[in-house]
Every structure is written in C-alpha cells, then in structure tokens.
C-alpha cells in the first residue's frame, strides 16, 4: 500500500493517507488571538479543508482527540464542536487538558477519518 501525504512540511504533514484512512496532524488556530470557541471554529474549518483535500468529509470521522490548555473552557470548545459535528456520524472522541506548544494556543485537535 502506498502512502499519500498532504501539506508536507519539513517537520510534519497536515495529513497522511494510507489505504482508506486519513490521519490528520494536530491542528491549531491560524489566529490565536481568538478565545477558545473562536480557535475551535478556526480549527474545525481547517479540518474540513484538509479532509476535503484528502477525499474525505467530517461525516467519515472515526476519532478525534481534543487538547485544551484549560479544561475550564470545555463548554466553549463544545459550543463550536456541537454546531459543527455531523450529528448522525459522531466520532469516538477524547478531550484532555494539556500544555500546548505555545501559550497562545488554547485548543488543538487531531483526527482520523475514513475515505
């Protein structure tokens, strides 16, 4: 089986496709000045774009891991998530509190989807 990579950079690829599965890198907001809900909305838009480039869609999400800098913002993240997620095809999901790569990031999301 071949592996196809999307958004290849010197350190990581935005997505890697193997067989009928696409693995997305952890994604953060392009504008980290936004609050948790705003950063989550930005990330979900990036996920939509990256999945589309790989030939997939949010309805095909298998799993998601959400990293929050502060678990007190869980409801704010969920407000954006709940408005976005395909309610008929919700993925397995874990949400954890973690120190992210930079203090300006409040949320990071990593996903796996079928093609």
Protein backbone atom coordinates (compact mmCIF):
# COMPACT_ATOMS: atom_id res chain seq x y z
CA UNK A 1 0.00 0.00 0.00
CA UNK A 2 1.22 3.45 -0.83
CA UNK A 3 1.08 6.46 1.46
CA UNK A 4 -0.03 9.84 0.15
CA UNK A 5 0.81 12.96 2.14
CA UNK A 6 -0.92 16.35 2.03
CA UNK A 7 0.50 19.67 3.20
CA UNK A 8 4.00 18.28 3.52
CA UNK A 9 6.40 20.43 5.52
CA UNK A 10 9.90 19.99 6.90
CA UNK A 11 8.61 18.72 10.26
CA UNK A 12 5.20 17.18 9.56
CA UNK A 13 2.45 16.65 7.02
CA UNK A 14 -1.05 18.04 7.59
CA UNK A 15 -2.47 14.65 6.58
CA UNK A 16 -1.28 11.19 5.64
CA UNK A 17 -3.48 8.76 3.72
CA UNK A 18 -2.92 5.02 3.91
CA UNK A 19 -5.36 2.53 2.45
CA UNK A 20 -8.80 4.08 3.09
CA UNK A 21 -7.84 6.06 6.18
CA UNK A 22 -6.67 9.66 6.55
CA UNK A 23 -4.68 10.70 9.62
CA UNK A 24 -4.69 14.44 10.38
CA UNK A 25 -1.94 16.19 12.28
CA UNK A 26 -2.85 18.14 15.38
CA UNK A 27 -4.33 21.43 14.17
CA UNK A 28 -4.28 24.80 15.88
CA UNK A 29 -5.92 28.13 15.07
CA UNK A 30 -4.43 30.43 12.45
CA UNK A 31 -5.40 33.42 14.61
CA UNK A 32 -4.60 32.51 18.20
CA UNK A 33 -5.89 35.86 19.50
CA UNK A 34 -9.41 34.35 19.43
CA UNK A 35 -11.00 32.80 22.51
CA UNK A 36 -11.45 29.04 22.89
CA UNK A 37 -14.67 28.94 20.88
CA UNK A 38 -13.16 31.07 18.11
CA UNK A 39 -9.99 28.97 17.96
CA UNK A 40 -12.08 25.79 17.83
CA UNK A 41 -14.15 27.18 14.95
CA UNK A 42 -10.96 28.01 13.03
CA UNK A 43 -9.57 24.53 13.63
CA UNK A 44 -12.80 22.83 12.52
CA UNK A 45 -12.70 24.82 9.29
CA UNK A 46 -9.11 23.62 8.74
CA UNK A 47 -10.23 20.06 9.42
CA UNK A 48 -12.99 20.40 6.80
CA UNK A 49 -10.48 21.72 4.24
CA UNK A 50 -7.86 19.08 5.00
CA UNK A 51 -10.37 16.23 4.88
CA UNK A 52 -11.71 17.50 1.54
CA UNK A 53 -8.19 17.65 0.10
CA UNK A 54 -7.71 14.03 1.15
CA UNK A 55 -11.05 12.94 -0.32
CA UNK A 56 -12.94 12.66 2.95
CA UNK A 57 -15.53 14.57 4.99
CA UNK A 58 -16.40 15.18 8.64
CA UNK A 59 -19.20 12.60 8.32
CA UNK A 60 -16.45 10.00 7.94
CA UNK A 61 -14.55 10.91 11.12
CA UNK A 62 -13.58 7.83 13.10
CA UNK A 63 -11.91 9.50 16.06
CA UNK A 64 -10.86 12.88 17.38
CA UNK A 65 -8.60 13.96 20.21
CA UNK A 66 -9.14 17.46 21.57
CA UNK A 67 -6.39 19.07 23.63
CA UNK A 68 -7.42 22.04 25.79
CA UNK A 69 -4.96 24.32 27.53
CA UNK A 70 -7.53 24.72 30.31
CA UNK A 71 -10.37 22.28 30.96
CA UNK A 72 -12.43 25.20 32.30
CA UNK A 73 -13.02 26.12 28.62
CA UNK A 74 -14.56 22.69 27.82
CA UNK A 75 -18.06 24.13 27.30
CA UNK A 76 -16.76 26.88 24.99
CA UNK A 77 -14.98 24.30 22.82
CA UNK A 78 -18.09 22.10 22.81
CA UNK A 79 -20.27 25.01 21.66
CA UNK A 80 -18.23 25.17 18.45
CA UNK A 81 -17.88 21.38 18.17
CA UNK A 82 -21.61 20.72 18.63
CA UNK A 83 -22.52 23.28 15.94
CA UNK A 84 -20.07 21.62 13.52
CA UNK A 85 -20.10 17.85 14.08
CA UNK A 86 -22.29 15.62 11.89
CA UNK A 87 -24.88 14.57 14.47
CA UNK A 88 -25.61 11.31 12.60
CA UNK A 89 -21.94 10.35 12.46
CA UNK A 90 -20.23 11.48 15.63
CA UNK A 91 -16.69 10.12 16.05
CA UNK A 92 -15.16 8.50 19.07
CA UNK A 93 -13.62 11.45 20.93
CA UNK A 94 -11.34 12.16 23.85
CA UNK A 95 -10.77 15.58 25.40
CA UNK A 96 -7.78 16.18 27.63
CA UNK A 97 -6.11 19.12 29.29
CA UNK A 98 -2.55 19.61 28.09
CA UNK A 99 0.17 22.21 27.89
CA UNK A 100 0.22 23.08 24.18
CA UNK A 101 3.25 24.07 22.08
CA UNK A 102 2.68 27.78 22.78
CA UNK A 103 0.64 29.53 25.47
CA UNK A 104 -1.22 31.46 22.74
CA UNK A 105 -2.95 28.24 21.64
CA UNK A 106 -5.98 27.25 23.67
CA UNK A 107 -7.09 24.25 21.59
CA UNK A 108 -5.52 21.61 19.36
CA UNK A 109 -7.48 18.88 17.57
CA UNK A 110 -6.22 15.71 15.91
CA UNK A 111 -8.48 13.40 13.85
CA UNK A 112 -8.62 10.15 11.94
CA UNK A 113 -11.21 9.61 9.18
CA UNK A 114 -12.22 7.06 6.60
CA UNK A 115 -12.12 7.92 2.90
